[in-house]
Amino acid sequence: MFMQMFGHEATKILDYVECFPNGAGKGKKMTAECAAAGLEGFPTWFINGKILSGDQELEVLAEASGFVGEGTEQPKGISQN
């Protein structure tokens, strides 16, 4: 899903961990890193100390990360200098 949303190039600028590299399914285990993080839903986003689980609108991810790009509003509490 991550690759569908952002494209393969996003892995160059975003940290990405595949919890089920061989595909999810009955009897398949997630990677130790994901299990240790206590993940229960996918995708899970770790942004600026916040954890967002499940599908998120791009606007929610942009606000959580403080991203400001063309066509986005300035996040609350952040000034452009």
PDB file of N, CA and C in Angstrom:
ATOM      1  N   MET A   1       0.819  -1.186   0.000  1.00  0.00           N
ATOM      2  CA  MET A   1       0.000   0.000   0.000  1.00  0.00           C
ATOM      3  C   MET A   1       0.870   1.260   0.000  1.00  0.00           C
ATOM      4  N   PHE A   2       1.934   1.253   0.779  1.00  0.00           N
ATOM      5  CA  PHE A   2       2.850   2.398   0.845  1.00  0.00           C
ATOM      6  C   PHE A   2       3.350   2.755  -0.546  1.00  0.00           C
ATOM      7  N   MET A   3       3.802   1.746  -1.277  1.00  0.00           N
ATOM      8  CA  MET A   3       4.341   1.984  -2.619  1.00  0.00           C
ATOM      9  C   MET A   3       3.256   2.519  -3.549  1.00  0.00           C
ATOM     10  N   GLN A   4       2.021   2.047  -3.383  1.00  0.00           N
ATOM     11  CA  GLN A   4       0.927   2.524  -4.221  1.00  0.00           C
ATOM     12  C   GLN A   4       0.623   3.993  -3.941  1.00  0.00           C
ATOM     13  N   MET A   5       0.694   4.382  -2.660  1.00  0.00           N
ATOM     14  CA  MET A   5       0.384   5.762  -2.289  1.00  0.00           C
ATOM     15  C   MET A   5       1.474   6.741  -2.700  1.00  0.00           C
ATOM     16  N   PHE A   6       2.732   6.354  -2.475  1.00  0.00           N
ATOM     17  CA  PHE A   6       3.826   7.305  -2.605  1.00  0.00           C
ATOM     18  C   PHE A   6       4.817   6.985  -3.714  1.00  0.00           C
ATOM     19  N   GLY A   7       4.778   5.788  -4.251  1.00  0.00           N
ATOM     20  CA  GLY A   7       5.732   5.386  -5.271  1.00  0.00           C
ATOM     21  C   GLY A   7       7.037   4.902  -4.661  1.00  0.00           C
ATOM     22  N   HIS A   8       7.769   4.122  -5.416  1.00  0.00           N
ATOM     23  CA  HIS A   8       9.019   3.530  -4.927  1.00  0.00           C
ATOM     24  C   HIS A   8      10.042   4.593  -4.530  1.00  0.00           C
ATOM     25  N   GLU A   9      10.012   5.740  -5.202  1.00  0.00           N
ATOM     26  CA  GLU A   9      10.980   6.803  -4.908  1.00  0.00           C
ATOM     27  C   GLU A   9      10.858   7.326  -3.485  1.00  0.00           C
ATOM     28  N   ALA A  10       9.686   7.179  -2.869  1.00  0.00           N
ATOM     29  CA  ALA A  10       9.491   7.676  -1.504  1.00  0.00           C
ATOM     30  C   ALA A  10      10.387   6.961  -0.506  1.00  0.00           C
ATOM     31  N   THR A  11      10.792   5.730  -0.815  1.00  0.00           N
ATOM     32  CA  THR A  11      11.661   5.002   0.119  1.00  0.00           C
ATOM     33  C   THR A  11      13.030   5.662   0.238  1.00  0.00           C
ATOM     34  N   LYS A  12      13.355   6.552  -0.681  1.00  0.00           N
ATOM     35  CA  LYS A  12      14.629   7.272  -0.608  1.00  0.00           C
ATOM     36  C   LYS A  12      14.594   8.381   0.438  1.00  0.00           C
ATOM     37  N   ILE A  13      13.403   8.884   0.760  1.00  0.00           N
ATOM     38  CA  ILE A  13      13.303   9.990   1.716  1.00  0.00           C
ATOM     39  C   ILE A  13      12.501   9.647   2.972  1.00  0.00           C
ATOM     40  N   LEU A  14      11.768   8.542   2.958  1.00  0.00           N
ATOM     41  CA  LEU A  14      10.988   8.118   4.118  1.00  0.00           C
ATOM     42  C   LEU A  14      11.499   6.779   4.623  1.00  0.00           C
ATOM     43  N   ASP A  15      11.597   6.646   5.946  1.00  0.00           N
ATOM     44  CA  ASP A  15      11.944   5.343   6.511  1.00  0.00           C
ATOM     45  C   ASP A  15      10.753   4.417   6.315  1.00  0.00           C
ATOM     46  N   TYR A  16      11.006   3.236   5.801  1.00  0.00           N
ATOM     47  CA  TYR A  16       9.948   2.275   5.499  1.00  0.00           C
ATOM     48  C   TYR A  16      10.378   0.906   5.983  1.00  0.00           C
ATOM     49  N   VAL A  17       9.500   0.241   6.709  1.00  0.00           N
ATOM     50  CA  VAL A  17       9.774  -1.118   7.181  1.00  0.00           C
ATOM     51  C   VAL A  17       8.630  -2.004   6.717  1.00  0.00           C
ATOM     52  N   GLU A  18       8.950  -3.085   6.044  1.00  0.00           N
ATOM     53  CA  GLU A  18       7.950  -4.059   5.607  1.00  0.00           C
ATOM     54  C   GLU A  18       7.826  -5.104   6.708  1.00  0.00           C
ATOM     55  N   CYS A  19       6.681  -5.151   7.367  1.00  0.00           N
ATOM     56  CA  CYS A  19       6.491  -6.072   8.493  1.00  0.00           C
ATOM     57  C   CYS A  19       6.269  -7.514   8.047  1.00  0.00           C
ATOM     58  N   PHE A  20       5.769  -7.712   6.855  1.00  0.00           N
ATOM     59  CA  PHE A  20       5.555  -9.051   6.309  1.00  0.00           C
ATOM     60  C   PHE A  20       6.217  -9.130   4.932  1.00  0.00           C
ATOM     61  N   PRO A  21       7.550  -9.265   4.883  1.00  0.00           N
ATOM     62  CA  PRO A  21       8.246  -9.249   3.590  1.00  0.00           C
ATOM     63  C   PRO A  21       7.833 -10.376   2.645  1.00  0.00           C
ATOM     64  N   ASN A  22       7.298 -11.461   3.185  1.00  0.00           N
ATOM     65  CA  ASN A  22       6.849 -12.577   2.346  1.00  0.00           C
ATOM     66  C   ASN A  22       5.333 -12.606   2.207  1.00  0.00           C
ATOM     67  N   GLY A  23       4.688 -11.503   2.553  1.00  0.00           N
ATOM     68  CA  GLY A  23       3.239 -11.425   2.472  1.00  0.00           C
ATOM     69  C   GLY A  23       2.583 -11.861   3.769  1.00  0.00           C
ATOM     70  N   ALA A  24       1.506 -11.190   4.129  1.00  0.00           N
ATOM     71  CA  ALA A  24       0.773 -11.522   5.351  1.00  0.00           C
ATOM     72  C   ALA A  24      -0.162 -12.684   5.076  1.00  0.00           C
ATOM     73  N   GLY A  25      -0.426 -13.449   6.084  1.00  0.00           N
ATOM     74  CA  GLY A  25      -1.355 -14.557   5.942  1.00  0.00           C
ATOM     75  C   GLY A  25      -1.295 -15.462   7.154  1.00  0.00           C
ATOM     76  N   LYS A  26      -2.207 -16.390   7.200  1.00  0.00           N
ATOM     77  CA  LYS A  26      -2.289 -17.319   8.324  1.00  0.00           C
ATOM     78  C   LYS A  26      -0.967 -18.062   8.490  1.00  0.00           C
ATOM     79  N   GLY A  27      -0.455 -18.053   9.713  1.00  0.00           N
ATOM     80  CA  GLY A  27       0.776 -18.764  10.015  1.00  0.00           C
ATOM     81  C   GLY A  27       2.048 -18.003   9.699  1.00  0.00           C
ATOM     82  N   LYS A  28       1.931 -16.835   9.093  1.00  0.00           N
ATOM     83  CA  LYS A  28       3.125 -16.044   8.776  1.00  0.00           C
ATOM     84  C   LYS A  28       3.391 -15.067   9.908  1.00  0.00           C
ATOM     85  N   LYS A  29       4.651 -14.917  10.243  1.00  0.00           N
ATOM     86  CA  LYS A  29       5.022 -14.032  11.341  1.00  0.00           C
ATOM     87  C   LYS A  29       5.575 -12.723  10.803  1.00  0.00           C
ATOM     88  N   MET A  30       5.283 -11.659  11.559  1.00  0.00           N
ATOM     89  CA  MET A  30       5.848 -10.369  11.183  1.00  0.00           C
ATOM     90  C   MET A  30       7.292 -10.300  11.654  1.00  0.00           C
ATOM     91  N   THR A  31       8.042  -9.369  11.105  1.00  0.00           N
ATOM     92  CA  THR A  31       9.447  -9.216  11.464  1.00  0.00           C
ATOM     93  C   THR A  31       9.571  -8.865  12.941  1.00  0.00           C
ATOM     94  N   ALA A  32      10.733  -9.183  13.504  1.00  0.00           N
ATOM     95  CA  ALA A  32      10.984  -8.916  14.921  1.00  0.00           C
ATOM     96  C   ALA A  32      10.859  -7.426  15.233  1.00  0.00           C
ATOM     97  N   GLU A  33      11.320  -6.574  14.311  1.00  0.00           N
ATOM     98  CA  GLU A  33      11.250  -5.123  14.516  1.00  0.00           C
ATOM     99  C   GLU A  33       9.807  -4.653  14.684  1.00  0.00           C
ATOM    100  N   CYS A  34       8.917  -5.151  13.862  1.00  0.00           N
ATOM    101  CA  CYS A  34       7.514  -4.753  13.937  1.00  0.00           C
ATOM    102  C   CYS A  34       6.842  -5.332  15.176  1.00  0.00           C
ATOM    103  N   ALA A  35       7.154  -6.577  15.506  1.00  0.00           N
ATOM    104  CA  ALA A  35       6.593  -7.203  16.702  1.00  0.00           C
ATOM    105  C   ALA A  35       7.044  -6.459  17.952  1.00  0.00           C
ATOM    106  N   ALA A  36       8.324  -6.078  18.000  1.00  0.00           N
ATOM    107  CA  ALA A  36       8.868  -5.362  19.153  1.00  0.00           C
ATOM    108  C   ALA A  36       8.209  -3.992  19.323  1.00  0.00           C
ATOM    109  N   ALA A  37       7.790  -3.382  18.217  1.00  0.00           N
ATOM    110  CA  ALA A  37       7.127  -2.076  18.270  1.00  0.00           C
ATOM    111  C   ALA A  37       5.663  -2.206  18.685  1.00  0.00           C
ATOM    112  N   GLY A  38       5.158  -3.446  18.772  1.00  0.00           N
ATOM    113  CA  GLY A  38       3.780  -3.676  19.189  1.00  0.00           C
ATOM    114  C   GLY A  38       2.749  -3.316  18.144  1.00  0.00           C
ATOM    115  N   LEU A  39       3.124  -3.387  16.873  1.00  0.00           N
ATOM    116  CA  LEU A  39       2.193  -3.019  15.805  1.00  0.00           C
ATOM    117  C   LEU A  39       1.048  -4.008  15.714  1.00  0.00           C
ATOM    118  N   GLU A  40      -0.142  -3.464  15.542  1.00  0.00           N
ATOM    119  CA  GLU A  40      -1.330  -4.300  15.393  1.00  0.00           C
ATOM    120  C   GLU A  40      -2.102  -3.981  14.125  1.00  0.00           C
ATOM    121  N   GLY A  41      -1.938  -2.779  13.590  1.00  0.00           N
ATOM    122  CA  GLY A  41      -2.655  -2.377  12.389  1.00  0.00           C
ATOM    123  C   GLY A  41      -1.697  -1.835  11.354  1.00  0.00           C
ATOM    124  N   PHE A  42      -2.138  -1.867  10.109  1.00  0.00           N
ATOM    125  CA  PHE A  42      -1.277  -1.419   9.019  1.00  0.00           C
ATOM    126  C   PHE A  42      -2.067  -0.540   8.065  1.00  0.00           C
ATOM    127  N   PRO A  43      -1.427   0.440   7.496  1.00  0.00           N
ATOM    128  CA  PRO A  43      -0.068   0.874   7.814  1.00  0.00           C
ATOM    129  C   PRO A  43      -0.039   1.581   9.162  1.00  0.00           C
ATOM    130  N   THR A  44       1.131   1.682   9.758  1.00  0.00           N
ATOM    131  CA  THR A  44       1.331   2.438  10.988  1.00  0.00           C
ATOM    132  C   THR A  44       2.389   3.491  10.711  1.00  0.00           C
ATOM    133  N   TRP A  45       2.091   4.707  11.085  1.00  0.00           N
ATOM    134  CA  TRP A  45       2.969   5.846  10.844  1.00  0.00           C
ATOM    135  C   TRP A  45       3.522   6.344  12.168  1.00  0.00           C
ATOM    136  N   PHE A  46       4.833   6.520  12.246  1.00  0.00           N
ATOM    137  CA  PHE A  46       5.504   7.117  13.397  1.00  0.00           C
ATOM    138  C   PHE A  46       6.003   8.482  12.930  1.00  0.00           C
ATOM    139  N   ILE A  47       5.313   9.538  13.359  1.00  0.00           N
ATOM    140  CA  ILE A  47       5.632  10.885  12.877  1.00  0.00           C
ATOM    141  C   ILE A  47       5.750  11.836  14.068  1.00  0.00           C
ATOM    142  N   ASN A  48       6.937  12.393  14.245  1.00  0.00           N
ATOM    143  CA  ASN A  48       7.165  13.392  15.296  1.00  0.00           C
ATOM    144  C   ASN A  48       6.629  12.945  16.651  1.00  0.00           C
ATOM    145  N   GLY A  49       6.895  11.701  17.015  1.00  0.00           N
ATOM    146  CA  GLY A  49       6.480  11.183  18.315  1.00  0.00           C
ATOM    147  C   GLY A  49       5.042  10.707  18.386  1.00  0.00           C
ATOM    148  N   LYS A  50       4.287  10.852  17.307  1.00  0.00           N
ATOM    149  CA  LYS A  50       2.899  10.387  17.261  1.00  0.00           C
ATOM    150  C   LYS A  50       2.841   9.061  16.522  1.00  0.00           C
ATOM    151  N   ILE A  51       1.874   8.229  16.888  1.00  0.00           N
ATOM    152  CA  ILE A  51       1.639   6.975  16.182  1.00  0.00           C
ATOM    153  C   ILE A  51       0.247   7.047  15.569  1.00  0.00           C
ATOM    154  N   LEU A  52       0.183   6.905  14.259  1.00  0.00           N
ATOM    155  CA  LEU A  52      -1.085   6.892  13.531  1.00  0.00           C
ATOM    156  C   LEU A  52      -1.237   5.517  12.893  1.00  0.00           C
ATOM    157  N   SER A  53      -2.309   4.803  13.232  1.00  0.00           N
ATOM    158  CA  SER A  53      -2.520   3.465  12.682  1.00  0.00           C
ATOM    159  C   SER A  53      -3.644   3.478  11.658  1.00  0.00           C
ATOM    160  N   GLY A  54      -3.500   2.647  10.657  1.00  0.00           N
ATOM    161  CA  GLY A  54      -4.517   2.511   9.629  1.00  0.00           C
ATOM    162  C   GLY A  54      -4.344   3.515   8.505  1.00  0.00           C
ATOM    163  N   ASP A  55      -5.232   3.408   7.521  1.00  0.00           N
ATOM    164  CA  ASP A  55      -5.187   4.324   6.383  1.00  0.00           C
ATOM    165  C   ASP A  55      -5.402   5.750   6.867  1.00  0.00           C
ATOM    166  N   GLN A  56      -4.608   6.669   6.358  1.00  0.00           N
ATOM    167  CA  GLN A  56      -4.705   8.081   6.725  1.00  0.00           C
ATOM    168  C   GLN A  56      -4.799   8.913   5.454  1.00  0.00           C
ATOM    169  N   GLU A  57      -5.581   9.965   5.521  1.00  0.00           N
ATOM    170  CA  GLU A  57      -5.641  10.909   4.411  1.00  0.00           C
ATOM    171  C   GLU A  57      -4.292  11.616   4.313  1.00  0.00           C
ATOM    172  N   LEU A  58      -3.889  11.986   3.119  1.00  0.00           N
ATOM    173  CA  LEU A  58      -2.622  12.684   2.940  1.00  0.00           C
ATOM    174  C   LEU A  58      -2.569  13.978   3.749  1.00  0.00           C
ATOM    175  N   GLU A  59      -3.709  14.645   3.888  1.00  0.00           N
ATOM    176  CA  GLU A  59      -3.754  15.879   4.667  1.00  0.00           C
ATOM    177  C   GLU A  59      -3.398  15.619   6.129  1.00  0.00           C
ATOM    178  N   VAL A  60      -3.845  14.486   6.680  1.00  0.00           N
ATOM    179  CA  VAL A  60      -3.538  14.123   8.069  1.00  0.00           C
ATOM    180  C   VAL A  60      -2.043  13.876   8.220  1.00  0.00           C
ATOM    181  N   LEU A  61      -1.453  13.155   7.273  1.00  0.00           N
ATOM    182  CA  LEU A  61      -0.015  12.886   7.319  1.00  0.00           C
ATOM    183  C   LEU A  61       0.786  14.172   7.157  1.00  0.00           C
ATOM    184  N   ALA A  62       0.334  15.052   6.276  1.00  0.00           N
ATOM    185  CA  ALA A  62       1.030  16.324   6.071  1.00  0.00           C
ATOM    186  C   ALA A  62       0.995  17.163   7.340  1.00  0.00           C
ATOM    187  N   GLU A  63      -0.162  17.239   7.978  1.00  0.00           N
ATOM    188  CA  GLU A  63      -0.270  18.033   9.204  1.00  0.00           C
ATOM    189  C   GLU A  63       0.587  17.435  10.314  1.00  0.00           C
ATOM    190  N   ALA A  64       0.557  16.124  10.477  1.00  0.00           N
ATOM    191  CA  ALA A  64       1.339  15.467  11.528  1.00  0.00           C
ATOM    192  C   ALA A  64       2.833  15.683  11.338  1.00  0.00           C
ATOM    193  N   SER A  65       3.269  15.726  10.079  1.00  0.00           N
ATOM    194  CA  SER A  65       4.698  15.857   9.791  1.00  0.00           C
ATOM    195  C   SER A  65       5.160  17.310   9.680  1.00  0.00           C
ATOM    196  N   GLY A  66       4.199  18.236   9.584  1.00  0.00           N
ATOM    197  CA  GLY A  66       4.563  19.633   9.392  1.00  0.00           C
ATOM    198  C   GLY A  66       4.897  19.958   7.950  1.00  0.00           C
ATOM    199  N   PHE A  67       4.554  19.054   7.026  1.00  0.00           N
ATOM    200  CA  PHE A  67       4.853  19.254   5.610  1.00  0.00           C
ATOM    201  C   PHE A  67       4.050  20.412   5.047  1.00  0.00           C
ATOM    202  N   VAL A  68       4.727  21.264   4.310  1.00  0.00           N
ATOM    203  CA  VAL A  68       4.063  22.342   3.587  1.00  0.00           C
ATOM    204  C   VAL A  68       4.526  22.255   2.144  1.00  0.00           C
ATOM    205  N   GLY A  69       3.602  22.020   1.266  1.00  0.00           N
ATOM    206  CA  GLY A  69       3.929  21.928  -0.150  1.00  0.00           C
ATOM    207  C   GLY A  69       2.903  22.697  -0.952  1.00  0.00           C
ATOM    208  N   GLU A  70       3.082  22.681  -2.233  1.00  0.00           N
ATOM    209  CA  GLU A  70       2.145  23.369  -3.113  1.00  0.00           C
ATOM    210  C   GLU A  70       0.749  22.810  -2.897  1.00  0.00           C
ATOM    211  N   GLY A  71      -0.206  23.677  -2.631  1.00  0.00           N
ATOM    212  CA  GLY A  71      -1.585  23.252  -2.447  1.00  0.00           C
ATOM    213  C   GLY A  71      -1.913  22.814  -1.032  1.00  0.00           C
ATOM    214  N   THR A  72      -0.977  22.959  -0.091  1.00  0.00           N
ATOM    215  CA  THR A  72      -1.273  22.615   1.300  1.00  0.00           C
ATOM    216  C   THR A  72      -1.263  23.874   2.142  1.00  0.00           C
ATOM    217  N   GLU A  73      -1.992  23.817   3.245  1.00  0.00           N
ATOM    218  CA  GLU A  73      -2.030  24.953   4.151  1.00  0.00           C
ATOM    219  C   GLU A  73      -0.905  24.847   5.161  1.00  0.00           C
ATOM    220  N   GLN A  74      -0.479  25.988   5.688  1.00  0.00           N
ATOM    221  CA  GLN A  74       0.541  26.029   6.731  1.00  0.00           C
ATOM    222  C   GLN A  74      -0.020  25.351   7.982  1.00  0.00           C
ATOM    223  N   PRO A  75       0.691  24.367   8.575  1.00  0.00           N
ATOM    224  CA  PRO A  75       0.205  23.735   9.807  1.00  0.00           C
ATOM    225  C   PRO A  75       0.066  24.757  10.927  1.00  0.00           C
ATOM    226  N   LYS A  76      -0.899  24.511  11.810  1.00  0.00           N
ATOM    227  CA  LYS A  76      -1.132  25.413  12.931  1.00  0.00           C
ATOM    228  C   LYS A  76       0.099  25.477  13.818  1.00  0.00           C
ATOM    229  N   GLY A  77       0.438  26.671  14.270  1.00  0.00           N
ATOM    230  CA  GLY A  77       1.541  26.839  15.202  1.00  0.00           C
ATOM    231  C   GLY A  77       2.915  26.886  14.563  1.00  0.00           C
ATOM    232  N   ILE A  78       2.993  26.839  13.229  1.00  0.00           N
ATOM    233  CA  ILE A  78       4.284  26.888  12.543  1.00  0.00           C
ATOM    234  C   ILE A  78       4.300  28.123  11.653  1.00  0.00           C
ATOM    235  N   SER A  79       5.325  28.926  11.813  1.00  0.00           N
ATOM    236  CA  SER A  79       5.416  30.130  10.992  1.00  0.00           C
ATOM    237  C   SER A  79       6.470  29.942   9.917  1.00  0.00           C
ATOM    238  N   GLN A  80       6.259  30.568   8.791  1.00  0.00           N
ATOM    239  CA  GLN A  80       7.238  30.530   7.708  1.00  0.00           C
ATOM    240  C   GLN A  80       8.182  31.698   7.886  1.00  0.00           C
ATOM    241  N   ASN A  81       9.456  31.423   7.995  1.00  0.00           N
ATOM    242  CA  ASN A  81      10.480  32.468   8.119  1.00  0.00           C
ATOM    243  C   ASN A  81      11.548  32.245   7.101  1.00  0.00           C
TER     244      ASN A  81
END
